[in-house]
Amino acid sequence: EAVTRYVREEFNRADRLDEQRRGTIGFALTVLQRRLAS
C-alpha cells in the first residue's frame, strides 16, 4: 500500500512536468512498481 501510494503521488507530480521529464519519471516509477510485484 505504501509503495502504491508513493507511485500514484509521483505520477501525479510527473504529469505537471514537461513532456521529457514526465516520460523519464513515468518509466522509473513503472520499474519500481514491477520490482514491488517481483
PDB file of all heavy atoms in Angstrom:
ATOM      1  N   GLU A   1       0.830  -1.208   0.000  1.00  0.00           N
ATOM      2  CA  GLU A   1       0.000   0.000   0.000  1.00  0.00           C
ATOM      3  C   GLU A   1       0.865   1.259   0.000  1.00  0.00           C
ATOM      4  O   GLU A   1       0.567   2.231  -0.694  1.00  0.00           O
ATOM      5  CB  GLU A   1      -0.923  -0.013   1.217  1.00  0.00           C
ATOM      6  CG  GLU A   1      -2.023  -1.050   1.159  1.00  0.00           C
ATOM      7  CD  GLU A   1      -2.973  -0.807  -0.009  1.00  0.00           C
ATOM      8  OE1 GLU A   1      -3.151   0.370  -0.401  1.00  0.00           O
ATOM      9  OE2 GLU A   1      -3.526  -1.778  -0.537  1.00  0.00           O
ATOM     10  N   ALA A   2       1.952   1.239   0.759  1.00  0.00           N
ATOM     11  CA  ALA A   2       2.815   2.416   0.841  1.00  0.00           C
ATOM     12  C   ALA A   2       3.490   2.708  -0.495  1.00  0.00           C
ATOM     13  O   ALA A   2       3.532   3.866  -0.952  1.00  0.00           O
ATOM     14  CB  ALA A   2       3.863   2.216   1.932  1.00  0.00           C
ATOM     15  N   VAL A   3       4.013   1.674  -1.138  1.00  0.00           N
ATOM     16  CA  VAL A   3       4.683   1.877  -2.430  1.00  0.00           C
ATOM     17  C   VAL A   3       3.673   2.291  -3.491  1.00  0.00           C
ATOM     18  O   VAL A   3       3.939   3.171  -4.320  1.00  0.00           O
ATOM     19  CB  VAL A   3       5.438   0.599  -2.848  1.00  0.00           C
ATOM     20  CG1 VAL A   3       5.991   0.749  -4.266  1.00  0.00           C
ATOM     21  CG2 VAL A   3       6.563   0.307  -1.886  1.00  0.00           C
ATOM     22  N   THR A   4       2.480   1.687  -3.479  1.00  0.00           N
ATOM     23  CA  THR A   4       1.448   2.063  -4.460  1.00  0.00           C
ATOM     24  C   THR A   4       1.049   3.518  -4.273  1.00  0.00           C
ATOM     25  O   THR A   4       0.881   4.267  -5.260  1.00  0.00           O
ATOM     26  CB  THR A   4       0.222   1.142  -4.324  1.00  0.00           C
ATOM     27  OG1 THR A   4       0.630  -0.213  -4.507  1.00  0.00           O
ATOM     28  CG2 THR A   4      -0.845   1.494  -5.350  1.00  0.00           C
ATOM     29  N   ARG A   5       0.906   3.947  -3.035  1.00  0.00           N
ATOM     30  CA  ARG A   5       0.554   5.341  -2.769  1.00  0.00           C
ATOM     31  C   ARG A   5       1.670   6.280  -3.251  1.00  0.00           C
ATOM     32  O   ARG A   5       1.411   7.324  -3.857  1.00  0.00           O
ATOM     33  CB  ARG A   5       0.305   5.516  -1.263  1.00  0.00           C
ATOM     34  CG  ARG A   5      -0.177   6.914  -0.867  1.00  0.00           C
ATOM     35  CD  ARG A   5      -0.697   6.929   0.554  1.00  0.00           C
ATOM     36  NE  ARG A   5       0.317   6.460   1.512  1.00  0.00           N
ATOM     37  CZ  ARG A   5       0.252   5.290   2.137  1.00  0.00           C
ATOM     38  NH1 ARG A   5      -0.759   4.454   1.919  1.00  0.00           N
ATOM     39  NH2 ARG A   5       1.205   4.927   2.987  1.00  0.00           N
ATOM     40  N   TYR A   6       2.902   5.854  -2.999  1.00  0.00           N
ATOM     41  CA  TYR A   6       4.048   6.659  -3.440  1.00  0.00           C
ATOM     42  C   TYR A   6       4.083   6.777  -4.962  1.00  0.00           C
ATOM     43  O   TYR A   6       4.317   7.847  -5.519  1.00  0.00           O
ATOM     44  CB  TYR A   6       5.325   6.014  -2.918  1.00  0.00           C
ATOM     45  CG  TYR A   6       6.606   6.586  -3.488  1.00  0.00           C
ATOM     46  CD1 TYR A   6       7.086   7.815  -3.069  1.00  0.00           C
ATOM     47  CD2 TYR A   6       7.337   5.876  -4.449  1.00  0.00           C
ATOM     48  CE1 TYR A   6       8.267   8.335  -3.593  1.00  0.00           C
ATOM     49  CE2 TYR A   6       8.505   6.381  -4.977  1.00  0.00           C
ATOM     50  CZ  TYR A   6       8.967   7.617  -4.538  1.00  0.00           C
ATOM     51  OH  TYR A   6      10.109   8.135  -5.052  1.00  0.00           O
ATOM     52  N   VAL A   7       3.813   5.667  -5.647  1.00  0.00           N
ATOM     53  CA  VAL A   7       3.816   5.668  -7.110  1.00  0.00           C
ATOM     54  C   VAL A   7       2.730   6.590  -7.650  1.00  0.00           C
ATOM     55  O   VAL A   7       2.947   7.376  -8.570  1.00  0.00           O
ATOM     56  CB  VAL A   7       3.646   4.230  -7.643  1.00  0.00           C
ATOM     57  CG1 VAL A   7       3.379   4.247  -9.142  1.00  0.00           C
ATOM     58  CG2 VAL A   7       4.886   3.397  -7.343  1.00  0.00           C
ATOM     59  N   ARG A   8       1.525   6.542  -7.044  1.00  0.00           N
ATOM     60  CA  ARG A   8       0.430   7.403  -7.513  1.00  0.00           C
ATOM     61  C   ARG A   8       0.783   8.872  -7.337  1.00  0.00           C
ATOM     62  O   ARG A   8       0.576   9.700  -8.245  1.00  0.00           O
ATOM     63  CB  ARG A   8      -0.845   7.081  -6.730  1.00  0.00           C
ATOM     64  CG  ARG A   8      -1.501   5.759  -7.068  1.00  0.00           C
ATOM     65  CD  ARG A   8      -2.956   5.768  -6.626  1.00  0.00           C
ATOM     66  NE  ARG A   8      -3.529   4.425  -6.660  1.00  0.00           N
ATOM     67  CZ  ARG A   8      -3.685   3.649  -5.590  1.00  0.00           C
ATOM     68  NH1 ARG A   8      -3.306   4.069  -4.400  1.00  0.00           N
ATOM     69  NH2 ARG A   8      -4.217   2.450  -5.714  1.00  0.00           N
ATOM     70  N   GLU A   9       1.322   9.211  -6.185  1.00  0.00           N
ATOM     71  CA  GLU A   9       1.662  10.615  -5.926  1.00  0.00           C
ATOM     72  C   GLU A   9       2.741  11.110  -6.872  1.00  0.00           C
ATOM     73  O   GLU A   9       2.665  12.220  -7.400  1.00  0.00           O
ATOM     74  CB  GLU A   9       2.113  10.764  -4.473  1.00  0.00           C
ATOM     75  CG  GLU A   9       1.001  10.552  -3.449  1.00  0.00           C
ATOM     76  CD  GLU A   9       1.528  10.536  -2.033  1.00  0.00           C
ATOM     77  OE1 GLU A   9       2.772  10.634  -1.877  1.00  0.00           O
ATOM     78  OE2 GLU A   9       0.721  10.427  -1.093  1.00  0.00           O
ATOM     79  N   GLU A  10       3.755  10.279  -7.115  1.00  0.00           N
ATOM     80  CA  GLU A  10       4.836  10.694  -8.006  1.00  0.00           C
ATOM     81  C   GLU A  10       4.369  10.795  -9.453  1.00  0.00           C
ATOM     82  O   GLU A  10       4.821  11.655 -10.214  1.00  0.00           O
ATOM     83  CB  GLU A  10       6.010   9.721  -7.883  1.00  0.00           C
ATOM     84  CG  GLU A  10       6.711   9.777  -6.539  1.00  0.00           C
ATOM     85  CD  GLU A  10       7.294  11.146  -6.259  1.00  0.00           C
ATOM     86  OE1 GLU A  10       7.816  11.788  -7.198  1.00  0.00           O
ATOM     87  OE2 GLU A  10       7.210  11.614  -5.115  1.00  0.00           O
ATOM     88  N   PHE A  11       3.442   9.924  -9.865  1.00  0.00           N
ATOM     89  CA  PHE A  11       2.891  10.031 -11.210  1.00  0.00           C
ATOM     90  C   PHE A  11       2.139  11.346 -11.365  1.00  0.00           C
ATOM     91  O   PHE A  11       2.222  12.006 -12.393  1.00  0.00           O
ATOM     92  CB  PHE A  11       1.964   8.849 -11.508  1.00  0.00           C
ATOM     93  CG  PHE A  11       2.625   7.744 -12.287  1.00  0.00           C
ATOM     94  CD1 PHE A  11       2.786   6.478 -11.742  1.00  0.00           C
ATOM     95  CD2 PHE A  11       3.100   7.977 -13.559  1.00  0.00           C
ATOM     96  CE1 PHE A  11       3.406   5.476 -12.461  1.00  0.00           C
ATOM     97  CE2 PHE A  11       3.722   6.974 -14.284  1.00  0.00           C
ATOM     98  CZ  PHE A  11       3.875   5.713 -13.730  1.00  0.00           C
ATOM     99  N   ASN A  12       1.392  11.732 -10.340  1.00  0.00           N
ATOM    100  CA  ASN A  12       0.650  12.995 -10.409  1.00  0.00           C
ATOM    101  C   ASN A  12       1.609  14.175 -10.499  1.00  0.00           C
ATOM    102  O   ASN A  12       1.358  15.137 -11.233  1.00  0.00           O
ATOM    103  CB  ASN A  12      -0.259  13.134  -9.183  1.00  0.00           C
ATOM    104  CG  ASN A  12      -1.418  12.154  -9.231  1.00  0.00           C
ATOM    105  OD1 ASN A  12      -1.836  11.737 -10.305  1.00  0.00           O
ATOM    106  ND2 ASN A  12      -1.935  11.782  -8.058  1.00  0.00           N
ATOM    107  N   ARG A  13       2.708  14.087  -9.765  1.00  0.00           N
ATOM    108  CA  ARG A  13       3.709  15.159  -9.850  1.00  0.00           C
ATOM    109  C   ARG A  13       4.349  15.176 -11.238  1.00  0.00           C
ATOM    110  O   ARG A  13       4.612  16.235 -11.797  1.00  0.00           O
ATOM    111  CB  ARG A  13       4.794  14.947  -8.796  1.00  0.00           C
ATOM    112  CG  ARG A  13       4.334  15.228  -7.370  1.00  0.00           C
ATOM    113  CD  ARG A  13       5.472  14.992  -6.406  1.00  0.00           C
ATOM    114  NE  ARG A  13       6.651  15.761  -6.784  1.00  0.00           N
ATOM    115  CZ  ARG A  13       7.869  15.548  -6.282  1.00  0.00           C
ATOM    116  NH1 ARG A  13       8.041  14.573  -5.396  1.00  0.00           N
ATOM    117  NH2 ARG A  13       8.877  16.283  -6.657  1.00  0.00           N
ATOM    118  N   ALA A  14       4.606  14.007 -11.803  1.00  0.00           N
ATOM    119  CA  ALA A  14       5.236  13.932 -13.117  1.00  0.00           C
ATOM    120  C   ALA A  14       4.351  14.536 -14.191  1.00  0.00           C
ATOM    121  O   ALA A  14       4.841  15.124 -15.164  1.00  0.00           O
ATOM    122  CB  ALA A  14       5.555  12.479 -13.456  1.00  0.00           C
ATOM    123  N   ASP A  15       3.030  14.407 -14.053  1.00  0.00           N
ATOM    124  CA  ASP A  15       2.113  14.958 -15.050  1.00  0.00           C
ATOM    125  C   ASP A  15       2.226  16.462 -15.154  1.00  0.00           C
ATOM    126  O   ASP A  15       1.883  17.059 -16.178  1.00  0.00           O
ATOM    127  CB  ASP A  15       0.670  14.563 -14.718  1.00  0.00           C
ATOM    128  CG  ASP A  15       0.391  13.100 -15.043  1.00  0.00           C
ATOM    129  OD1 ASP A  15       1.152  12.546 -15.850  1.00  0.00           O
ATOM    130  OD2 ASP A  15      -0.562  12.543 -14.477  1.00  0.00           O
ATOM    131  N   ARG A  16       2.709  17.105 -14.091  1.00  0.00           N
ATOM    132  CA  ARG A  16       2.811  18.566 -14.103  1.00  0.00           C
ATOM    133  C   ARG A  16       4.134  19.046 -14.676  1.00  0.00           C
ATOM    134  O   ARG A  16       4.350  20.236 -14.857  1.00  0.00           O
ATOM    135  CB  ARG A  16       2.639  19.098 -12.676  1.00  0.00           C
ATOM    136  CG  ARG A  16       1.245  18.855 -12.114  1.00  0.00           C
ATOM    137  CD  ARG A  16       1.019  19.647 -10.835  1.00  0.00           C
ATOM    138  NE  ARG A  16       1.854  19.161  -9.738  1.00  0.00           N
ATOM    139  CZ  ARG A  16       1.482  18.194  -8.891  1.00  0.00           C
ATOM    140  NH1 ARG A  16       0.284  17.637  -9.018  1.00  0.00           N
ATOM    141  NH2 ARG A  16       2.279  17.820  -7.917  1.00  0.00           N
ATOM    142  N   LEU A  17       5.044  18.129 -14.950  1.00  0.00           N
ATOM    143  CA  LEU A  17       6.334  18.495 -15.517  1.00  0.00           C
ATOM    144  C   LEU A  17       6.270  18.533 -17.038  1.00  0.00           C
ATOM    145  O   LEU A  17       5.257  18.188 -17.646  1.00  0.00           O
ATOM    146  CB  LEU A  17       7.400  17.484 -15.070  1.00  0.00           C
ATOM    147  CG  LEU A  17       7.623  17.384 -13.542  1.00  0.00           C
ATOM    148  CD1 LEU A  17       8.595  16.261 -13.246  1.00  0.00           C
ATOM    149  CD2 LEU A  17       8.138  18.699 -12.980  1.00  0.00           C
ATOM    150  N   ASP A  18       7.388  18.947 -17.672  1.00  0.00           N
ATOM    151  CA  ASP A  18       7.429  18.953 -19.132  1.00  0.00           C
ATOM    152  C   ASP A  18       7.403  17.521 -19.642  1.00  0.00           C
ATOM    153  O   ASP A  18       7.637  16.574 -18.895  1.00  0.00           O
ATOM    154  CB  ASP A  18       8.688  19.681 -19.632  1.00  0.00           C
ATOM    155  CG  ASP A  18       9.950  18.969 -19.193  1.00  0.00           C
ATOM    156  OD1 ASP A  18      10.417  18.099 -19.926  1.00  0.00           O
ATOM    157  OD2 ASP A  18      10.441  19.291 -18.075  1.00  0.00           O
ATOM    158  N   GLU A  19       7.158  17.350 -20.951  1.00  0.00           N
ATOM    159  CA  GLU A  19       6.917  16.025 -21.521  1.00  0.00           C
ATOM    160  C   GLU A  19       8.107  15.096 -21.360  1.00  0.00           C
ATOM    161  O   GLU A  19       7.962  13.927 -21.028  1.00  0.00           O
ATOM    162  CB  GLU A  19       6.551  16.155 -22.998  1.00  0.00           C
ATOM    163  CG  GLU A  19       6.205  14.829 -23.667  1.00  0.00           C
ATOM    164  CD  GLU A  19       5.784  15.010 -25.107  1.00  0.00           C
ATOM    165  OE1 GLU A  19       5.595  16.162 -25.527  1.00  0.00           O
ATOM    166  OE2 GLU A  19       5.647  13.993 -25.802  1.00  0.00           O
ATOM    167  N   GLN A  20       9.327  15.633 -21.580  1.00  0.00           N
ATOM    168  CA  GLN A  20      10.503  14.780 -21.491  1.00  0.00           C
ATOM    169  C   GLN A  20      10.709  14.272 -20.066  1.00  0.00           C
ATOM    170  O   GLN A  20      10.943  13.086 -19.837  1.00  0.00           O
ATOM    171  CB  GLN A  20      11.738  15.540 -21.962  1.00  0.00           C
ATOM    172  CG  GLN A  20      13.011  14.682 -21.945  1.00  0.00           C
ATOM    173  CD  GLN A  20      14.205  15.440 -22.487  1.00  0.00           C
ATOM    174  OE1 GLN A  20      14.058  16.585 -22.896  1.00  0.00           O
ATOM    175  NE2 GLN A  20      15.356  14.819 -22.481  1.00  0.00           N
ATOM    176  N   ARG A  21      10.607  15.148 -19.087  1.00  0.00           N
ATOM    177  CA  ARG A  21      10.779  14.741 -17.697  1.00  0.00           C
ATOM    178  C   ARG A  21       9.675  13.791 -17.268  1.00  0.00           C
ATOM    179  O   ARG A  21       9.894  12.844 -16.531  1.00  0.00           O
ATOM    180  CB  ARG A  21      10.772  15.982 -16.796  1.00  0.00           C
ATOM    181  CG  ARG A  21      12.009  16.834 -16.923  1.00  0.00           C
ATOM    182  CD  ARG A  21      13.113  16.297 -16.065  1.00  0.00           C
ATOM    183  NE  ARG A  21      12.764  16.384 -14.649  1.00  0.00           N
ATOM    184  CZ  ARG A  21      13.388  15.710 -13.702  1.00  0.00           C
ATOM    185  NH1 ARG A  21      14.338  14.869 -14.020  1.00  0.00           N
ATOM    186  NH2 ARG A  21      13.040  15.836 -12.432  1.00  0.00           N
ATOM    187  N   ARG A  22       8.463  14.028 -17.762  1.00  0.00           N
ATOM    188  CA  ARG A  22       7.340  13.191 -17.388  1.00  0.00           C
ATOM    189  C   ARG A  22       7.565  11.755 -17.857  1.00  0.00           C
ATOM    190  O   ARG A  22       7.302  10.799 -17.131  1.00  0.00           O
ATOM    191  CB  ARG A  22       6.051  13.760 -17.980  1.00  0.00           C
ATOM    192  CG  ARG A  22       4.798  13.013 -17.531  1.00  0.00           C
ATOM    193  CD  ARG A  22       3.545  13.823 -17.788  1.00  0.00           C
ATOM    194  NE  ARG A  22       3.351  14.112 -19.189  1.00  0.00           N
ATOM    195  CZ  ARG A  22       3.369  15.353 -19.706  1.00  0.00           C
ATOM    196  NH1 ARG A  22       3.587  16.415 -18.919  1.00  0.00           N
ATOM    197  NH2 ARG A  22       3.179  15.549 -20.999  1.00  0.00           N
ATOM    198  N   GLY A  23       8.090  11.589 -19.063  1.00  0.00           N
ATOM    199  CA  GLY A  23       8.359  10.247 -19.576  1.00  0.00           C
ATOM    200  C   GLY A  23       9.433   9.535 -18.778  1.00  0.00           C
ATOM    201  O   GLY A  23       9.328   8.343 -18.495  1.00  0.00           O
ATOM    202  N   THR A  24      10.488  10.279 -18.371  1.00  0.00           N
ATOM    203  CA  THR A  24      11.572   9.671 -17.604  1.00  0.00           C
ATOM    204  C   THR A  24      11.091   9.191 -16.241  1.00  0.00           C
ATOM    205  O   THR A  24      11.364   8.065 -15.819  1.00  0.00           O
ATOM    206  CB  THR A  24      12.717  10.680 -17.425  1.00  0.00           C
ATOM    207  OG1 THR A  24      13.150  11.131 -18.717  1.00  0.00           O
ATOM    208  CG2 THR A  24      13.885  10.050 -16.688  1.00  0.00           C
ATOM    209  N   ILE A  25      10.346  10.063 -15.542  1.00  0.00           N
ATOM    210  CA  ILE A  25       9.852   9.696 -14.220  1.00  0.00           C
ATOM    211  C   ILE A  25       8.838   8.567 -14.324  1.00  0.00           C
ATOM    212  O   ILE A  25       8.834   7.627 -13.517  1.00  0.00           O
ATOM    213  CB  ILE A  25       9.237  10.925 -13.515  1.00  0.00           C
ATOM    214  CG1 ILE A  25      10.337  11.958 -13.248  1.00  0.00           C
ATOM    215  CG2 ILE A  25       8.557  10.525 -12.218  1.00  0.00           C
ATOM    216  CD1 ILE A  25       9.838  13.236 -12.638  1.00  0.00           C
ATOM    217  N   GLY A  26       7.978   8.635 -15.342  1.00  0.00           N
ATOM    218  CA  GLY A  26       6.987   7.585 -15.518  1.00  0.00           C
ATOM    219  C   GLY A  26       7.629   6.224 -15.723  1.00  0.00           C
ATOM    220  O   GLY A  26       7.182   5.219 -15.149  1.00  0.00           O
ATOM    221  N   PHE A  27       8.721   6.196 -16.497  1.00  0.00           N
ATOM    222  CA  PHE A  27       9.419   4.931 -16.723  1.00  0.00           C
ATOM    223  C   PHE A  27      10.038   4.417 -15.421  1.00  0.00           C
ATOM    224  O   PHE A  27       9.938   3.231 -15.089  1.00  0.00           O
ATOM    225  CB  PHE A  27      10.509   5.120 -17.779  1.00  0.00           C
ATOM    226  CG  PHE A  27      11.375   3.909 -17.991  1.00  0.00           C
ATOM    227  CD1 PHE A  27      10.901   2.818 -18.696  1.00  0.00           C
ATOM    228  CD2 PHE A  27      12.664   3.863 -17.474  1.00  0.00           C
ATOM    229  CE1 PHE A  27      11.686   1.695 -18.880  1.00  0.00           C
ATOM    230  CE2 PHE A  27      13.456   2.749 -17.655  1.00  0.00           C
ATOM    231  CZ  PHE A  27      12.963   1.661 -18.368  1.00  0.00           C
ATOM    232  N   ALA A  28      10.659   5.325 -14.657  1.00  0.00           N
ATOM    233  CA  ALA A  28      11.296   4.911 -13.403  1.00  0.00           C
ATOM    234  C   ALA A  28      10.269   4.361 -12.420  1.00  0.00           C
ATOM    235  O   ALA A  28      10.511   3.354 -11.744  1.00  0.00           O
ATOM    236  CB  ALA A  28      12.038   6.099 -12.791  1.00  0.00           C
ATOM    237  N   LEU A  29       9.119   5.001 -12.354  1.00  0.00           N
ATOM    238  CA  LEU A  29       8.102   4.543 -11.424  1.00  0.00           C
ATOM    239  C   LEU A  29       7.487   3.214 -11.858  1.00  0.00           C
ATOM    240  O   LEU A  29       7.120   2.386 -11.026  1.00  0.00           O
ATOM    241  CB  LEU A  29       7.019   5.620 -11.284  1.00  0.00           C
ATOM    242  CG  LEU A  29       7.491   6.914 -10.609  1.00  0.00           C
ATOM    243  CD1 LEU A  29       6.376   7.942 -10.619  1.00  0.00           C
ATOM    244  CD2 LEU A  29       7.959   6.653  -9.195  1.00  0.00           C
ATOM    245  N   THR A  30       7.380   3.010 -13.176  1.00  0.00           N
ATOM    246  CA  THR A  30       6.873   1.727 -13.665  1.00  0.00           C
ATOM    247  C   THR A  30       7.817   0.596 -13.277  1.00  0.00           C
ATOM    248  O   THR A  30       7.388  -0.481 -12.844  1.00  0.00           O
ATOM    249  CB  THR A  30       6.715   1.769 -15.195  1.00  0.00           C
ATOM    250  OG1 THR A  30       5.784   2.808 -15.535  1.00  0.00           O
ATOM    251  CG2 THR A  30       6.187   0.445 -15.719  1.00  0.00           C
ATOM    252  N   VAL A  31       9.121   0.855 -13.405  1.00  0.00           N
ATOM    253  CA  VAL A  31      10.110  -0.147 -12.992  1.00  0.00           C
ATOM    254  C   VAL A  31       9.983  -0.434 -11.501  1.00  0.00           C
ATOM    255  O   VAL A  31      10.043  -1.590 -11.054  1.00  0.00           O
ATOM    256  CB  VAL A  31      11.530   0.340 -13.334  1.00  0.00           C
ATOM    257  CG1 VAL A  31      12.581  -0.579 -12.714  1.00  0.00           C
ATOM    258  CG2 VAL A  31      11.728   0.426 -14.838  1.00  0.00           C
ATOM    259  N   LEU A  32       9.764   0.632 -10.714  1.00  0.00           N
ATOM    260  CA  LEU A  32       9.646   0.464  -9.272  1.00  0.00           C
ATOM    261  C   LEU A  32       8.441  -0.409  -8.912  1.00  0.00           C
ATOM    262  O   LEU A  32       8.511  -1.273  -8.035  1.00  0.00           O
ATOM    263  CB  LEU A  32       9.526   1.839  -8.612  1.00  0.00           C
ATOM    264  CG  LEU A  32       9.789   1.908  -7.105  1.00  0.00           C
ATOM    265  CD1 LEU A  32      11.211   1.477  -6.787  1.00  0.00           C
ATOM    266  CD2 LEU A  32       9.528   3.316  -6.591  1.00  0.00           C
ATOM    267  N   GLN A  33       7.339  -0.190  -9.608  1.00  0.00           N
ATOM    268  CA  GLN A  33       6.142  -0.974  -9.329  1.00  0.00           C
ATOM    269  C   GLN A  33       6.347  -2.442  -9.726  1.00  0.00           C
ATOM    270  O   GLN A  33       5.840  -3.355  -9.063  1.00  0.00           O
ATOM    271  CB  GLN A  33       4.950  -0.370 -10.068  1.00  0.00           C
ATOM    272  CG  GLN A  33       3.613  -0.717  -9.447  1.00  0.00           C
ATOM    273  CD  GLN A  33       2.504   0.164  -9.959  1.00  0.00           C
ATOM    274  OE1 GLN A  33       2.517   0.578 -11.123  1.00  0.00           O
ATOM    275  NE2 GLN A  33       1.538   0.463  -9.099  1.00  0.00           N
ATOM    276  N   ARG A  34       7.083  -2.673 -10.795  1.00  0.00           N
ATOM    277  CA  ARG A  34       7.373  -4.058 -11.183  1.00  0.00           C
ATOM    278  C   ARG A  34       8.268  -4.738 -10.157  1.00  0.00           C
ATOM    279  O   ARG A  34       8.134  -5.934  -9.892  1.00  0.00           O
ATOM    280  CB  ARG A  34       8.030  -4.090 -12.558  1.00  0.00           C
ATOM    281  CG  ARG A  34       7.073  -3.760 -13.703  1.00  0.00           C
ATOM    282  CD  ARG A  34       7.775  -3.816 -15.035  1.00  0.00           C
ATOM    283  NE  ARG A  34       6.858  -3.562 -16.135  1.00  0.00           N
ATOM    284  CZ  ARG A  34       7.217  -3.474 -17.406  1.00  0.00           C
ATOM    285  NH1 ARG A  34       8.487  -3.636 -17.745  1.00  0.00           N
ATOM    286  NH2 ARG A  34       6.333  -3.236 -18.352  1.00  0.00           N
ATOM    287  N   ARG A  35       9.187  -3.971  -9.588  1.00  0.00           N
ATOM    288  CA  ARG A  35      10.041  -4.545  -8.546  1.00  0.00           C
ATOM    289  C   ARG A  35       9.208  -4.936  -7.330  1.00  0.00           C
ATOM    290  O   ARG A  35       9.471  -5.939  -6.684  1.00  0.00           O
ATOM    291  CB  ARG A  35      11.114  -3.529  -8.139  1.00  0.00           C
ATOM    292  CG  ARG A  35      12.088  -3.172  -9.240  1.00  0.00           C
ATOM    293  CD  ARG A  35      13.179  -4.185  -9.351  1.00  0.00           C
ATOM    294  NE  ARG A  35      14.152  -4.069  -8.274  1.00  0.00           N
ATOM    295  CZ  ARG A  35      15.132  -4.933  -8.079  1.00  0.00           C
ATOM    296  NH1 ARG A  35      15.265  -5.974  -8.881  1.00  0.00           N
ATOM    297  NH2 ARG A  35      15.992  -4.783  -7.093  1.00  0.00           N
ATOM    298  N   LEU A  36       8.189  -4.135  -7.052  1.00  0.00           N
ATOM    299  CA  LEU A  36       7.297  -4.453  -5.946  1.00  0.00           C
ATOM    300  C   LEU A  36       6.574  -5.770  -6.191  1.00  0.00           C
ATOM    301  O   LEU A  36       6.440  -6.611  -5.302  1.00  0.00           O
ATOM    302  CB  LEU A  36       6.284  -3.321  -5.753  1.00  0.00           C
ATOM    303  CG  LEU A  36       5.154  -3.571  -4.750  1.00  0.00           C
ATOM    304  CD1 LEU A  36       5.724  -3.719  -3.348  1.00  0.00           C
ATOM    305  CD2 LEU A  36       4.132  -2.443  -4.805  1.00  0.00           C
ATOM    306  N   ALA A  37       6.094  -5.959  -7.431  1.00  0.00           N
ATOM    307  CA  ALA A  37       5.395  -7.189  -7.776  1.00  0.00           C
ATOM    308  C   ALA A  37       6.327  -8.387  -7.784  1.00  0.00           C
ATOM    309  O   ALA A  37       5.898  -9.529  -7.606  1.00  0.00           O
ATOM    310  CB  ALA A  37       4.712  -7.042  -9.137  1.00  0.00           C
ATOM    311  N   SER A  38       7.637  -8.148  -7.982  1.00  0.00           N
ATOM    312  CA  SER A  38       8.595  -9.254  -8.042  1.00  0.00           C
ATOM    313  C   SER A  38       8.751  -9.921  -6.683  1.00  0.00           C
ATOM    314  O   SER A  38       8.532 -11.115  -6.534  1.00  0.00           O
ATOM    315  CB  SER A  38       9.941  -8.739  -8.543  1.00  0.00           C
ATOM    316  OG  SER A  38      10.925  -9.747  -8.485  1.00  0.00           O
TER     317      SER A  38
END
